[in-house]
Amino acid sequence: MQELELYRGRPENIEGRLPREIRVYDMLDSLGIDFRRTDHGPADTMDACDDIDAVLGVVICKNLFLCNRQKTNFYLLMMPGDKPFKTKELSKQIHSARLSFAAPDFMEEYLDIRPGAVSIMGLMNDRENHVQLLIDEDVLKDPYIGCHPCVNTSSLKIRTEDILKTFLPAVHHEPIIVHLTGEQ
């Protein structure tokens, strides 16, 4: 694997980068949110994120795009990458039976993200609030959040406080904080 570098802010050269990624940088800049960035090969598994975590100095969150059985309610769950996900535990807390992974078509339609790049940054594309953000309380214990800028070839390090107090209000999404134990 190539040596990863840590940069401050957006890339100087945007040639070859997708518009969805550039929109993330534009949004963060417009909100005055400082961030660090590293570029890398596709990181579509939690294992691939280990080297990225090391250069960012933060754990990349596991982001799961979920829906109810009727496909009428959609959720973006942020949780620590090393915590097991138990559907039943979450379903009970949000009063939604039969949660499952939502189809990639919905992910692209509501968040403008493809599988492997799911991120809280996609909420900027959900102008009609089709997606409810769920954050495991353990994510909030860290001073920084690691996430993708709507592509899985770059990763960002952003202050948790900036996400909660600046980004989420700007994109009109209110999180629901959940308590996931990861136990059977």
C-alpha atoms as a PDB file:
ATOM      1  CA  MET A   1       0.000   0.000   0.000  1.00  0.00           C
ATOM      2  CA  GLN A   2       1.228   3.491  -0.807  1.00  0.00           C
ATOM      3  CA  GLU A   3       2.221   5.893   1.976  1.00  0.00           C
ATOM      4  CA  LEU A   4      -0.812   7.955   2.945  1.00  0.00           C
ATOM      5  CA  GLU A   5      -0.461  11.691   3.452  1.00  0.00           C
ATOM      6  CA  LEU A   6      -2.552  13.987   5.595  1.00  0.00           C
ATOM      7  CA  TYR A   7      -3.714  17.246   4.017  1.00  0.00           C
ATOM      8  CA  ARG A   8      -5.548  20.228   5.417  1.00  0.00           C
ATOM      9  CA  GLY A   9      -8.750  20.988   3.546  1.00  0.00           C
ATOM     10  CA  ARG A  10      -9.808  20.352  -0.019  1.00  0.00           C
ATOM     11  CA  PRO A  11      -7.489  19.112  -2.772  1.00  0.00           C
ATOM     12  CA  GLU A  12      -5.739  21.807  -4.791  1.00  0.00           C
ATOM     13  CA  ASN A  13      -6.294  19.906  -8.026  1.00  0.00           C
ATOM     14  CA  ILE A  14      -9.844  18.590  -8.496  1.00  0.00           C
ATOM     15  CA  GLU A  15      -9.213  16.981 -11.870  1.00  0.00           C
ATOM     16  CA  GLY A  16     -10.613  13.450 -11.952  1.00  0.00           C
ATOM     17  CA  ARG A  17     -12.678  13.903  -8.780  1.00  0.00           C
ATOM     18  CA  LEU A  18     -16.414  13.314  -8.810  1.00  0.00           C
ATOM     19  CA  PRO A  19     -18.830  16.242  -8.470  1.00  0.00           C
ATOM     20  CA  ARG A  20     -20.365  14.645  -5.344  1.00  0.00           C
ATOM     21  CA  GLU A  21     -16.953  14.835  -3.627  1.00  0.00           C
ATOM     22  CA  ILE A  22     -16.347  18.449  -4.672  1.00  0.00           C
ATOM     23  CA  ARG A  23     -19.799  19.436  -3.346  1.00  0.00           C
ATOM     24  CA  VAL A  24     -18.766  18.107   0.088  1.00  0.00           C
ATOM     25  CA  TYR A  25     -15.659  20.315   0.102  1.00  0.00           C
ATOM     26  CA  ASP A  26     -17.709  23.294  -1.087  1.00  0.00           C
ATOM     27  CA  MET A  27     -20.221  22.741   1.718  1.00  0.00           C
ATOM     28  CA  LEU A  28     -17.589  22.338   4.429  1.00  0.00           C
ATOM     29  CA  ASP A  29     -15.746  25.443   3.207  1.00  0.00           C
ATOM     30  CA  SER A  30     -18.975  27.482   3.071  1.00  0.00           C
ATOM     31  CA  LEU A  31     -19.702  26.516   6.689  1.00  0.00           C
ATOM     32  CA  GLY A  32     -16.162  27.346   7.817  1.00  0.00           C
ATOM     33  CA  ILE A  33     -15.566  23.767   8.981  1.00  0.00           C
ATOM     34  CA  ASP A  34     -11.889  22.864   9.217  1.00  0.00           C
ATOM     35  CA  PHE A  35     -11.017  19.313   8.177  1.00  0.00           C
ATOM     36  CA  ARG A  36      -8.110  17.045   7.381  1.00  0.00           C
ATOM     37  CA  ARG A  37      -8.113  14.736   4.355  1.00  0.00           C
ATOM     38  CA  THR A  38      -6.236  11.728   3.069  1.00  0.00           C
ATOM     39  CA  ASP A  39      -6.557  10.186  -0.386  1.00  0.00           C
ATOM     40  CA  HIS A  40      -6.268   6.427  -0.882  1.00  0.00           C
ATOM     41  CA  GLY A  41      -7.418   3.474  -2.933  1.00  0.00           C
ATOM     42  CA  PRO A  42     -11.031   2.318  -2.568  1.00  0.00           C
ATOM     43  CA  ALA A  43     -11.847   1.733   1.102  1.00  0.00           C
ATOM     44  CA  ASP A  44     -15.032  -0.274   0.990  1.00  0.00           C
ATOM     45  CA  THR A  45     -14.452  -2.500   4.021  1.00  0.00           C
ATOM     46  CA  MET A  46     -13.712  -1.728   7.655  1.00  0.00           C
ATOM     47  CA  ASP A  47     -10.381  -3.600   7.318  1.00  0.00           C
ATOM     48  CA  ALA A  48      -9.322  -1.249   4.526  1.00  0.00           C
ATOM     49  CA  CYS A  49      -9.950   1.641   6.910  1.00  0.00           C
ATOM     50  CA  ASP A  50      -7.256   0.587   9.437  1.00  0.00           C
ATOM     51  CA  ASP A  51      -4.366   2.317   7.614  1.00  0.00           C
ATOM     52  CA  ILE A  52      -6.572   5.315   6.942  1.00  0.00           C
ATOM     53  CA  ASP A  53      -7.528   5.515  10.627  1.00  0.00           C
ATOM     54  CA  ALA A  54      -3.847   5.577  11.532  1.00  0.00           C
ATOM     55  CA  VAL A  55      -2.983   8.524   9.271  1.00  0.00           C
ATOM     56  CA  LEU A  56      -6.105  10.468  10.293  1.00  0.00           C
ATOM     57  CA  GLY A  57      -5.672   9.667  13.977  1.00  0.00           C
ATOM     58  CA  VAL A  58      -9.357   8.791  14.232  1.00  0.00           C
ATOM     59  CA  VAL A  59     -11.550   5.726  13.816  1.00  0.00           C
ATOM     60  CA  ILE A  60     -13.693   5.806  10.689  1.00  0.00           C
ATOM     61  CA  CYS A  61     -17.305   5.209  11.684  1.00  0.00           C
ATOM     62  CA  LYS A  62     -19.285   2.271  10.391  1.00  0.00           C
ATOM     63  CA  ASN A  63     -22.157   3.821   8.414  1.00  0.00           C
ATOM     64  CA  LEU A  64     -25.137   1.619   7.662  1.00  0.00           C
ATOM     65  CA  PHE A  65     -27.993   2.618   5.358  1.00  0.00           C
ATOM     66  CA  LEU A  66     -31.120   0.881   6.626  1.00  0.00           C
ATOM     67  CA  CYS A  67     -34.857   0.797   5.974  1.00  0.00           C
ATOM     68  CA  ASN A  68     -38.018  -0.720   7.366  1.00  0.00           C
ATOM     69  CA  ARG A  69     -39.718  -3.660   5.653  1.00  0.00           C
ATOM     70  CA  GLN A  70     -42.151  -1.398   3.783  1.00  0.00           C
ATOM     71  CA  LYS A  71     -39.265   0.727   2.452  1.00  0.00           C
ATOM     72  CA  THR A  72     -40.986   3.870   3.728  1.00  0.00           C
ATOM     73  CA  ASN A  73     -38.532   4.836   6.490  1.00  0.00           C
ATOM     74  CA  PHE A  74     -34.803   5.156   5.858  1.00  0.00           C
ATOM     75  CA  TYR A  75     -32.003   5.464   8.398  1.00  0.00           C
ATOM     76  CA  LEU A  76     -28.314   6.283   8.343  1.00  0.00           C
ATOM     77  CA  LEU A  77     -26.685   4.657  11.371  1.00  0.00           C
ATOM     78  CA  MET A  78     -23.242   5.834  12.517  1.00  0.00           C
ATOM     79  CA  MET A  79     -21.537   3.516  14.958  1.00  0.00           C
ATOM     80  CA  PRO A  80     -17.997   2.524  15.978  1.00  0.00           C
ATOM     81  CA  GLY A  81     -16.438   0.303  13.345  1.00  0.00           C
ATOM     82  CA  ASP A  82     -15.494  -2.393  15.843  1.00  0.00           C
ATOM     83  CA  LYS A  83     -18.941  -2.715  17.448  1.00  0.00           C
ATOM     84  CA  PRO A  84     -21.185  -5.542  16.201  1.00  0.00           C
ATOM     85  CA  PHE A  85     -24.547  -4.441  14.825  1.00  0.00           C
ATOM     86  CA  LYS A  86     -27.650  -6.132  16.213  1.00  0.00           C
ATOM     87  CA  THR A  87     -30.784  -5.234  14.248  1.00  0.00           C
ATOM     88  CA  LYS A  88     -33.162  -6.225  17.035  1.00  0.00           C
ATOM     89  CA  GLU A  89     -31.466  -3.913  19.532  1.00  0.00           C
ATOM     90  CA  LEU A  90     -31.790  -0.893  17.222  1.00  0.00           C
ATOM     91  CA  SER A  91     -35.313  -1.746  16.051  1.00  0.00           C
ATOM     92  CA  LYS A  92     -36.589  -1.672  19.615  1.00  0.00           C
ATOM     93  CA  GLN A  93     -35.070   1.768  20.303  1.00  0.00           C
ATOM     94  CA  ILE A  94     -36.479   3.462  17.206  1.00  0.00           C
ATOM     95  CA  HIS A  95     -39.796   1.566  17.268  1.00  0.00           C
ATOM     96  CA  SER A  96     -39.356   0.074  13.806  1.00  0.00           C
ATOM     97  CA  ALA A  97     -39.750  -3.621  13.196  1.00  0.00           C
ATOM     98  CA  ARG A  98     -37.776  -5.553  10.620  1.00  0.00           C
ATOM     99  CA  LEU A  99     -34.907  -3.258   9.760  1.00  0.00           C
ATOM    100  CA  SER A 100     -32.714  -4.338   6.875  1.00  0.00           C
ATOM    101  CA  PHE A 101     -30.105  -2.878   4.584  1.00  0.00           C
ATOM    102  CA  ALA A 102     -31.693  -0.511   2.084  1.00  0.00           C
ATOM    103  CA  ALA A 103     -31.199  -1.054  -1.635  1.00  0.00           C
ATOM    104  CA  PRO A 104     -28.368   0.880  -3.308  1.00  0.00           C
ATOM    105  CA  ASP A 105     -30.934   2.649  -5.516  1.00  0.00           C
ATOM    106  CA  PHE A 106     -32.375   4.425  -2.461  1.00  0.00           C
ATOM    107  CA  MET A 107     -28.893   5.291  -1.232  1.00  0.00           C
ATOM    108  CA  GLU A 108     -28.098   6.946  -4.524  1.00  0.00           C
ATOM    109  CA  GLU A 109     -31.496   8.636  -4.818  1.00  0.00           C
ATOM    110  CA  TYR A 110     -31.554  10.151  -1.315  1.00  0.00           C
ATOM    111  CA  LEU A 111     -27.859  10.578  -0.424  1.00  0.00           C
ATOM    112  CA  ASP A 112     -26.103  10.624  -3.836  1.00  0.00           C
ATOM    113  CA  ILE A 113     -23.765   7.932  -2.532  1.00  0.00           C
ATOM    114  CA  ARG A 114     -22.859   4.473  -3.769  1.00  0.00           C
ATOM    115  CA  PRO A 115     -22.221   1.400  -1.590  1.00  0.00           C
ATOM    116  CA  GLY A 116     -18.830   1.526   0.097  1.00  0.00           C
ATOM    117  CA  ALA A 117     -18.890   5.319   0.444  1.00  0.00           C
ATOM    118  CA  VAL A 118     -21.827   5.752   2.842  1.00  0.00           C
ATOM    119  CA  SER A 119     -21.221   8.813   4.982  1.00  0.00           C
ATOM    120  CA  ILE A 120     -22.909  11.448   7.082  1.00  0.00           C
ATOM    121  CA  MET A 121     -21.807  13.907   4.368  1.00  0.00           C
ATOM    122  CA  GLY A 122     -24.489  12.419   2.095  1.00  0.00           C
ATOM    123  CA  LEU A 123     -27.158  14.083   4.251  1.00  0.00           C
ATOM    124  CA  MET A 124     -26.365  17.336   2.440  1.00  0.00           C
ATOM    125  CA  ASN A 125     -28.047  15.762  -0.606  1.00  0.00           C
ATOM    126  CA  ASP A 126     -31.177  14.714   1.324  1.00  0.00           C
ATOM    127  CA  ARG A 127     -33.006  18.021   1.056  1.00  0.00           C
ATOM    128  CA  GLU A 128     -36.434  16.469   1.684  1.00  0.00           C
ATOM    129  CA  ASN A 129     -35.308  14.598   4.819  1.00  0.00           C
ATOM    130  CA  HIS A 130     -36.082  11.085   3.634  1.00  0.00           C
ATOM    131  CA  VAL A 131     -33.276   9.744   5.850  1.00  0.00           C
ATOM    132  CA  GLN A 132     -33.205   9.829   9.662  1.00  0.00           C
ATOM    133  CA  LEU A 133     -29.716  10.020  11.164  1.00  0.00           C
ATOM    134  CA  LEU A 134     -29.041   7.627  14.040  1.00  0.00           C
ATOM    135  CA  ILE A 135     -25.799   8.014  16.001  1.00  0.00           C
ATOM    136  CA  ASP A 136     -24.563   5.474  18.507  1.00  0.00           C
ATOM    137  CA  GLU A 137     -23.650   7.348  21.695  1.00  0.00           C
ATOM    138  CA  ASP A 138     -20.098   5.933  21.624  1.00  0.00           C
ATOM    139  CA  VAL A 139     -19.368   7.869  18.400  1.00  0.00           C
ATOM    140  CA  LEU A 140     -19.969  11.104  20.322  1.00  0.00           C
ATOM    141  CA  LYS A 141     -17.260  10.269  22.878  1.00  0.00           C
ATOM    142  CA  ASP A 142     -14.522  10.965  20.336  1.00  0.00           C
ATOM    143  CA  PRO A 143     -13.531  14.580  19.647  1.00  0.00           C
ATOM    144  CA  TYR A 144     -13.303  13.769  15.908  1.00  0.00           C
ATOM    145  CA  ILE A 145     -15.352  11.840  13.373  1.00  0.00           C
ATOM    146  CA  GLY A 146     -13.820  10.061  10.400  1.00  0.00           C
ATOM    147  CA  CYS A 147     -15.944   9.817   7.258  1.00  0.00           C
ATOM    148  CA  HIS A 148     -15.846   9.721   3.477  1.00  0.00           C
ATOM    149  CA  PRO A 149     -16.666  12.793   1.331  1.00  0.00           C
ATOM    150  CA  CYS A 150     -19.331  10.778  -0.565  1.00  0.00           C
ATOM    151  CA  VAL A 151     -16.607   8.741  -2.312  1.00  0.00           C
ATOM    152  CA  ASN A 152     -14.515   5.894  -0.886  1.00  0.00           C
ATOM    153  CA  THR A 153     -11.167   7.094  -2.250  1.00  0.00           C
ATOM    154  CA  SER A 154     -10.754   9.918   0.280  1.00  0.00           C
ATOM    155  CA  SER A 155     -11.405  10.163   4.001  1.00  0.00           C
ATOM    156  CA  LEU A 156     -11.953  13.164   6.255  1.00  0.00           C
ATOM    157  CA  LYS A 157     -11.296  13.995   9.888  1.00  0.00           C
ATOM    158  CA  ILE A 158     -13.783  16.538  11.254  1.00  0.00           C
ATOM    159  CA  ARG A 159     -14.418  17.722  14.794  1.00  0.00           C
ATOM    160  CA  THR A 160     -17.481  15.986  16.225  1.00  0.00           C
ATOM    161  CA  GLU A 161     -18.680  19.340  17.562  1.00  0.00           C
ATOM    162  CA  ASP A 162     -18.552  20.842  14.043  1.00  0.00           C
ATOM    163  CA  ILE A 163     -20.665  17.962  12.721  1.00  0.00           C
ATOM    164  CA  LEU A 164     -23.260  18.319  15.480  1.00  0.00           C
ATOM    165  CA  LYS A 165     -23.438  22.096  15.851  1.00  0.00           C
ATOM    166  CA  THR A 166     -22.703  23.349  12.331  1.00  0.00           C
ATOM    167  CA  PHE A 167     -23.046  20.679   9.623  1.00  0.00           C
ATOM    168  CA  LEU A 168     -26.238  18.933  10.766  1.00  0.00           C
ATOM    169  CA  PRO A 169     -28.205  22.167  11.387  1.00  0.00           C
ATOM    170  CA  ALA A 170     -27.072  23.445   7.970  1.00  0.00           C
ATOM    171  CA  VAL A 171     -28.406  20.320   6.237  1.00  0.00           C
ATOM    172  CA  HIS A 172     -31.560  20.271   8.413  1.00  0.00           C
ATOM    173  CA  HIS A 173     -31.041  16.856   9.993  1.00  0.00           C
ATOM    174  CA  GLU A 174     -31.552  16.187  13.684  1.00  0.00           C
ATOM    175  CA  PRO A 175     -29.863  13.024  14.937  1.00  0.00           C
ATOM    176  CA  ILE A 176     -31.430  10.450  17.203  1.00  0.00           C
ATOM    177  CA  ILE A 177     -28.840   9.176  19.688  1.00  0.00           C
ATOM    178  CA  VAL A 178     -29.049   5.423  20.252  1.00  0.00           C
ATOM    179  CA  HIS A 179     -27.388   3.058  22.711  1.00  0.00           C
ATOM    180  CA  LEU A 180     -26.039  -0.062  21.016  1.00  0.00           C
ATOM    181  CA  THR A 181     -24.320  -2.633  23.199  1.00  0.00           C
ATOM    182  CA  GLY A 182     -23.347  -5.018  20.430  1.00  0.00           C
ATOM    183  CA  GLU A 183     -24.337  -7.878  22.733  1.00  0.00           C
ATOM    184  CA  GLN A 184     -26.449 -10.877  21.748  1.00  0.00           C
END
